[in-house]
Amino acid sequence: MNDYEAERIRSKCGKFRILIIGRANAGKTTILQRVCNTTENPVVYVKGKEVDPSILASSSDRGGHDIENELVFNNNRGFCFHDSRGFEAGGAKELLKVKEFIEKRAKECEISDRLHAIWYCIPMDDSRPFTMAESQFFSKCGTGDVPVIAIFTKFDALDNRAFNKLKKEGKSRRESRELATQRAVIDFEAIYLKMIYKYAHPPKAHVYLRDMNMEGSKCGELMERTTSSLDDEVLQQLFVSTQRNNVEVCISYAMERDALPVIRQSAKSTVNRDIKRDSVEVKEMIRSMLAWFPQYPVSVKDV
C-alpha cells in the first residue's frame, strides 16, 4: 500500500476505537486521562449525540450502562473509547454483551466503525488478581484480528509486597527498595503471568503500570505495546499519530519503518555514492516518515 492510499484510509477512519475492560477501581479512567493528557472527564455520546454524563451515571447504577456509548476527551478527539462496565461480575450475560459488541464491530463496513484494540485492566492491589471475569473472557471470548493488551494496573502494590519479602529475607531497607520492582515482576510472572497466557484466547501483549495516580505519570509502554500489537500498518500510523503527548513513539516508528530501511539499503550498495537531499529516494523516505506525523502540517517541499 502506498503512502497516498494509507493517508486516504487514515482520513476516512478518523478515530482510533478502543474497548477498555475491567472491574470497578481498576484505574480505567485514570489510564484514559493519562493517554489523552487531561484531567477532565470524557464527553459521552449516545448514538452520535452528546448526553449529560450524570444521567448515564444514575442509569449505570441501575444496570443501564451501554457498551455502545462513546467516550471522547476534548483534549484528544482522535481516540474513541468504549467502557464495558459491570463486566467484573463475570456472569454469562455480561460476557455475552462483550462478545456481541466485538463481533458486531468486526463486521462493520466502515473502518471508522470497527474496533481497533482492547485494553483489559486487571488491578494488582486486589487479593485475588484473577477472578471469574478474567477466566471467562480469556477462555471463551475470541477477538479475531483485534489485539488484546492486558494492563496490570496498580502494580506498585506488588512492589510493596516484594519490599516486605526482601526485608524478611534479611536485605537492608536500601537493598529492598532497590530490588523491589524487579522482584515484584519476577514473583508475578512466575505465578500469574503464565496462567493468563495458557488460556484459549490469551492477550497479544501485556504491560505493568505503576503509580498512575501521581502527577506527570505516562503510559508510554502501553502505547508502544499497543502499536506493536497492531498487524495493519495503517492502523499503526493512525494510533501512533493520535498520540499527541508521545512524540517519541512517532519518531521511533518513523525511523524503524521508513528511514532505517533506506539507510541500510544504501549501506549495502556496491556503488559508493552520496544520496542527494533532493533525490527521489530521499523524498519518498521523508514522505513516508511524515505519514507518522499527520498532526503536524509539514510536507516534503518544506524540508
Protein backbone atom coordinates (compact mmCIF):
# COMPACT_ATOMS: atom_id res chain seq x y z
CA MET A 1 0.00 0.00 0.00
CA ASN A 2 1.45 3.37 -0.99
CA ASP A 3 1.52 6.43 1.26
CA TYR A 4 -1.30 8.20 -0.56
CA GLU A 5 -3.62 5.21 -0.12
CA ALA A 6 -2.65 4.95 3.54
CA GLU A 7 -3.39 8.64 4.06
CA ARG A 8 -6.77 8.23 2.39
CA ILE A 9 -7.68 5.36 4.73
CA ARG A 10 -6.46 7.23 7.81
CA SER A 11 -8.52 10.31 6.93
CA LYS A 12 -11.54 8.06 6.36
CA CYS A 13 -11.05 6.23 9.64
CA GLY A 14 -10.87 9.40 11.72
CA LYS A 15 -10.73 7.97 15.25
CA PHE A 16 -8.91 5.06 16.81
CA ARG A 17 -11.52 2.97 18.63
CA ILE A 18 -10.62 1.14 21.87
CA LEU A 19 -12.71 -1.05 24.19
CA ILE A 20 -11.48 -0.83 27.78
CA ILE A 21 -12.49 -3.67 30.09
CA GLY A 22 -12.01 -4.07 33.82
CA ARG A 23 -13.69 -4.20 37.18
CA ALA A 24 -14.54 -1.11 39.23
CA ASN A 25 -11.50 0.69 40.69
CA ALA A 26 -9.14 -0.90 38.16
CA GLY A 27 -7.87 2.56 37.21
CA LYS A 28 -9.51 2.67 33.77
CA THR A 29 -10.49 6.34 33.83
CA THR A 30 -7.04 7.37 35.06
CA ILE A 31 -5.39 5.48 32.21
CA LEU A 32 -7.60 7.14 29.60
CA GLN A 33 -6.90 10.56 31.10
CA ARG A 34 -3.15 9.91 31.04
CA VAL A 35 -3.32 8.70 27.43
CA CYS A 36 -5.19 11.85 26.40
CA ASN A 37 -3.09 14.10 28.65
CA THR A 38 -6.01 15.57 30.59
CA THR A 39 -7.67 15.59 33.99
CA GLU A 40 -11.11 16.27 32.57
CA ASN A 41 -13.85 13.68 32.23
CA PRO A 42 -14.78 12.48 28.74
CA VAL A 43 -17.67 13.70 26.65
CA VAL A 44 -20.23 10.92 26.27
CA TYR A 45 -22.02 10.26 23.01
CA VAL A 46 -25.07 8.04 22.63
CA LYS A 47 -25.88 7.21 19.02
CA GLY A 48 -23.79 10.18 17.89
CA LYS A 49 -25.43 12.72 20.23
CA GLU A 50 -23.73 14.25 23.26
CA VAL A 51 -25.50 13.47 26.53
CA ASP A 52 -25.24 14.53 30.16
CA PRO A 53 -22.85 12.09 31.93
CA SER A 54 -24.78 12.47 35.21
CA ILE A 55 -27.85 10.94 33.59
CA LEU A 56 -25.78 7.99 32.42
CA ALA A 57 -24.21 7.62 35.86
CA SER A 58 -27.59 7.15 37.53
CA SER A 59 -28.64 4.82 34.72
CA SER A 60 -25.44 2.80 35.17
CA ASP A 61 -26.19 2.38 38.88
CA ARG A 62 -29.43 0.69 37.85
CA GLY A 63 -27.60 -1.55 35.36
CA GLY A 64 -28.41 0.61 32.36
CA HIS A 65 -24.88 1.28 31.06
CA ASP A 66 -24.48 0.65 27.35
CA ILE A 67 -21.17 -0.58 25.96
CA GLU A 68 -22.04 1.22 22.71
CA ASN A 69 -21.69 4.64 24.39
CA GLU A 70 -18.69 6.53 23.01
CA LEU A 71 -16.28 8.33 25.34
CA VAL A 72 -14.22 11.12 23.78
CA PHE A 73 -11.83 13.50 25.55
CA ASN A 74 -11.82 17.04 24.20
CA ASN A 75 -8.06 17.24 24.71
CA ASN A 76 -7.54 14.45 22.17
CA ARG A 77 -10.54 13.69 19.98
CA GLY A 78 -8.54 11.20 17.93
CA PHE A 79 -9.45 8.44 20.38
CA CYS A 80 -12.90 6.93 20.83
CA PHE A 81 -13.31 4.70 23.89
CA HIS A 82 -15.96 2.18 24.92
CA ASP A 83 -16.26 1.02 28.54
CA SER A 84 -17.65 -2.40 29.49
CA ARG A 85 -18.86 -1.51 32.98
CA GLY A 86 -20.30 -4.34 35.01
CA PHE A 87 -18.05 -6.93 33.39
CA GLU A 88 -16.39 -7.63 36.72
CA ALA A 89 -19.39 -9.76 37.66
CA GLY A 90 -18.06 -12.42 35.29
CA GLY A 91 -21.56 -13.66 34.51
CA ALA A 92 -22.73 -15.16 31.24
CA LYS A 93 -24.90 -12.13 30.47
CA GLU A 94 -22.03 -9.66 30.82
CA LEU A 95 -19.68 -11.84 28.76
CA LEU A 96 -22.30 -12.19 26.02
CA LYS A 97 -22.66 -8.40 25.79
CA VAL A 98 -18.92 -8.00 25.29
CA LYS A 99 -18.71 -10.83 22.74
CA GLU A 100 -21.64 -9.42 20.75
CA PHE A 101 -20.09 -5.95 20.76
CA ILE A 102 -16.73 -7.27 19.50
CA GLU A 103 -18.37 -9.41 16.80
CA LYS A 104 -20.65 -6.58 15.68
CA ARG A 105 -17.81 -4.11 15.38
CA ALA A 106 -15.71 -6.64 13.46
CA LYS A 107 -18.41 -6.82 10.78
CA GLU A 108 -18.75 -3.06 10.29
CA CYS A 109 -18.20 -1.98 6.68
CA GLU A 110 -16.58 1.34 7.57
CA ILE A 111 -13.14 1.10 9.17
CA SER A 112 -14.08 4.08 11.36
CA ASP A 113 -16.83 2.00 13.00
CA ARG A 114 -14.66 -1.04 13.67
CA LEU A 115 -12.99 -1.87 16.95
CA HIS A 116 -9.21 -1.48 16.69
CA ALA A 117 -7.86 -2.61 20.07
CA ILE A 118 -8.93 -3.88 23.50
CA TRP A 119 -7.34 -2.88 26.80
CA TYR A 120 -8.13 -5.31 29.62
CA CYS A 121 -7.29 -3.80 33.02
CA ILE A 122 -6.51 -6.07 35.97
CA PRO A 123 -5.72 -4.32 39.31
CA MET A 124 -2.87 -5.76 41.33
CA ASP A 125 -3.97 -4.27 44.66
CA ASP A 126 -6.68 -6.93 44.91
CA SER A 127 -6.08 -10.06 46.97
CA ARG A 128 -7.45 -12.04 44.00
CA PRO A 129 -5.97 -10.51 40.83
CA PHE A 130 -7.67 -13.03 38.56
CA THR A 131 -11.40 -13.51 39.00
CA MET A 132 -14.11 -15.40 37.13
CA ALA A 133 -14.40 -12.42 34.75
CA GLU A 134 -10.81 -12.81 33.52
CA SER A 135 -11.15 -16.58 33.29
CA GLN A 136 -14.34 -16.31 31.23
CA PHE A 137 -13.01 -13.63 28.90
CA PHE A 138 -9.64 -15.16 28.06
CA SER A 139 -11.01 -18.70 27.77
CA LYS A 140 -14.22 -18.01 25.83
CA CYS A 141 -14.00 -14.62 24.12
CA GLY A 142 -12.07 -14.76 20.86
CA THR A 143 -11.44 -11.30 19.42
CA GLY A 144 -10.31 -12.16 15.89
CA ASP A 145 -7.92 -9.58 14.46
CA VAL A 146 -8.49 -7.15 17.34
CA PRO A 147 -5.48 -7.32 19.67
CA VAL A 148 -5.99 -7.53 23.42
CA ILE A 149 -3.43 -5.87 25.69
CA ALA A 150 -3.56 -6.97 29.32
CA ILE A 151 -2.86 -4.00 31.57
CA PHE A 152 -1.82 -4.91 35.08
CA THR A 153 -2.70 -1.71 36.93
CA LYS A 154 -1.63 -0.56 40.40
CA PHE A 155 1.45 -2.74 40.09
CA ASP A 156 3.13 -0.66 42.79
CA ALA A 157 1.04 -2.67 45.28
CA LEU A 158 3.17 -5.70 44.37
CA ASP A 159 6.29 -3.58 44.78
CA ASN A 160 5.32 -3.01 48.41
CA ARG A 161 4.78 -6.73 48.98
CA ALA A 162 8.12 -7.53 47.35
CA PHE A 163 9.82 -4.95 49.58
CA ASN A 164 8.44 -6.65 52.69
CA LYS A 165 9.54 -10.08 51.41
CA LEU A 166 13.07 -8.84 50.80
CA LYS A 167 13.21 -7.33 54.29
CA LYS A 168 12.18 -10.67 55.80
CA GLU A 169 14.91 -12.37 53.77
CA GLY A 170 17.48 -10.20 55.52
CA LYS A 171 18.02 -7.43 52.97
CA SER A 172 18.57 -3.89 54.22
CA ARG A 173 15.89 -1.24 53.63
CA ARG A 174 18.00 0.32 50.89
CA GLU A 175 18.62 -3.00 49.14
CA SER A 176 14.96 -3.97 49.47
CA ARG A 177 13.87 -0.66 47.96
CA GLU A 178 16.27 -1.01 45.03
CA LEU A 179 15.30 -4.62 44.30
CA ALA A 180 11.55 -4.39 44.98
CA THR A 181 10.33 -3.52 41.47
CA GLN A 182 12.41 -6.28 39.87
CA ARG A 183 11.38 -8.83 42.49
CA ALA A 184 7.70 -7.91 42.08
CA VAL A 185 7.86 -8.68 38.35
CA ILE A 186 9.76 -11.95 38.90
CA ASP A 187 7.26 -13.19 41.51
CA PHE A 188 4.26 -12.13 39.45
CA GLU A 189 5.48 -13.71 36.23
CA ALA A 190 6.37 -16.97 37.98
CA ILE A 191 2.79 -17.48 39.14
CA TYR A 192 0.17 -15.32 37.44
CA LEU A 193 1.51 -14.28 34.04
CA LYS A 194 1.97 -17.89 32.91
CA MET A 195 -1.63 -18.53 33.91
CA ILE A 196 -3.14 -15.87 31.66
CA TYR A 197 -1.16 -16.97 28.60
CA LYS A 198 -2.39 -20.57 28.98
CA TYR A 199 -5.99 -19.61 28.21
CA ALA A 200 -7.52 -20.36 24.80
CA HIS A 201 -7.54 -16.65 23.88
CA PRO A 202 -4.54 -15.05 25.62
CA PRO A 203 -3.65 -11.36 25.28
CA LYS A 204 -1.32 -10.38 22.47
CA ALA A 205 0.78 -8.30 24.86
CA HIS A 206 0.85 -7.11 28.45
CA VAL A 207 2.15 -4.15 30.39
CA TYR A 208 2.69 -3.21 34.05
CA LEU A 209 1.51 0.25 35.15
CA ARG A 210 2.69 1.80 38.39
CA ASP A 211 1.77 4.99 40.26
CA MET A 212 -0.68 6.19 37.62
CA ASN A 213 -2.33 8.44 40.20
CA MET A 214 0.83 10.50 40.51
CA GLU A 215 1.08 13.77 38.60
CA GLY A 216 3.16 13.51 35.45
CA SER A 217 2.82 9.75 35.07
CA LYS A 218 2.59 8.49 31.48
CA CYS A 219 1.56 5.39 29.56
CA GLY A 220 4.45 5.21 27.11
CA GLU A 221 4.93 1.45 27.43
CA LEU A 222 1.20 0.84 26.93
CA MET A 223 1.25 2.89 23.75
CA GLU A 224 4.30 1.06 22.43
CA ARG A 225 2.83 -2.38 23.17
CA THR A 226 -0.46 -1.45 21.56
CA THR A 227 1.28 -0.17 18.44
CA SER A 228 3.39 -3.29 18.05
CA SER A 229 0.30 -5.48 18.55
CA LEU A 230 -1.45 -3.99 15.51
CA ASP A 231 -0.90 -6.04 12.36
CA ASP A 232 -2.08 -3.33 9.97
CA GLU A 233 0.45 -0.55 9.28
CA VAL A 234 -2.31 1.97 8.50
CA LEU A 235 -3.83 1.33 11.94
CA GLN A 236 -0.36 1.63 13.44
CA GLN A 237 0.07 5.03 11.81
CA LEU A 238 -3.40 6.09 12.93
CA PHE A 239 -2.72 5.02 16.52
CA VAL A 240 0.77 6.48 16.68
CA SER A 241 -0.20 9.81 15.11
CA THR A 242 -3.10 10.18 17.55
CA GLN A 243 -0.69 10.25 20.49
CA ARG A 244 -0.14 13.97 20.78
CA ASN A 245 1.75 13.66 24.07
CA ASN A 246 4.01 10.78 22.98
CA VAL A 247 6.05 12.02 20.03
CA GLU A 248 8.82 9.55 20.93
CA VAL A 249 6.72 6.66 19.63
CA CYS A 250 6.04 8.54 16.37
CA ILE A 251 9.76 9.13 15.88
CA SER A 252 10.63 5.53 16.75
CA TYR A 253 8.26 4.03 14.17
CA ALA A 254 9.13 6.59 11.51
CA MET A 255 12.80 5.70 11.87
CA GLU A 256 12.27 1.93 12.13
CA ARG A 257 9.79 1.57 9.27
CA ASP A 258 10.96 4.21 6.79
CA ALA A 259 14.35 5.80 7.47
CA LEU A 260 16.43 2.79 8.51
CA PRO A 261 15.49 0.59 5.50
CA VAL A 262 16.74 3.31 3.12
CA ILE A 263 19.92 3.76 5.13
CA ARG A 264 20.58 0.00 5.24
CA GLN A 265 19.94 -0.36 1.53
CA SER A 266 22.37 2.45 0.81
CA ALA A 267 24.99 0.82 3.03
CA LYS A 268 24.64 -2.45 1.08
CA SER A 269 25.05 -0.74 -2.26
CA THR A 270 28.14 -1.82 -4.20
CA VAL A 271 28.45 1.68 -5.57
CA ASN A 272 29.91 4.21 -3.19
CA ARG A 273 27.70 7.23 -3.72
CA ASP A 274 26.13 10.03 -1.77
CA ILE A 275 22.36 10.19 -1.54
CA LYS A 276 21.30 13.65 -2.66
CA ARG A 277 18.88 15.52 -0.45
CA ASP A 278 16.57 16.20 -3.38
CA SER A 279 16.78 12.66 -4.81
CA VAL A 280 13.63 10.64 -5.41
CA GLU A 281 14.51 8.03 -2.78
CA VAL A 282 15.11 10.67 -0.09
CA LYS A 283 11.84 12.43 -0.93
CA GLU A 284 9.98 9.13 -0.74
CA MET A 285 11.64 8.36 2.59
CA ILE A 286 10.66 11.76 4.00
CA ARG A 287 7.13 11.44 2.68
CA SER A 288 6.79 8.03 4.34
CA MET A 289 8.20 9.33 7.62
CA LEU A 290 5.86 12.33 7.64
CA ALA A 291 2.91 9.93 7.38
CA TRP A 292 3.53 9.11 11.05
CA PHE A 293 3.05 12.80 11.95
CA PRO A 294 -0.22 13.93 10.28
CA GLN A 295 -0.90 16.24 13.24
CA TYR A 296 1.94 18.48 12.00
CA PRO A 297 1.27 20.43 8.76
CA VAL A 298 4.61 19.74 7.09
CA SER A 299 5.17 18.49 3.55
CA VAL A 300 8.20 17.24 1.62
CA LYS A 301 8.71 20.63 -0.02
CA ASP A 302 9.08 22.24 3.44
CA VAL A 303 12.17 20.21 4.36
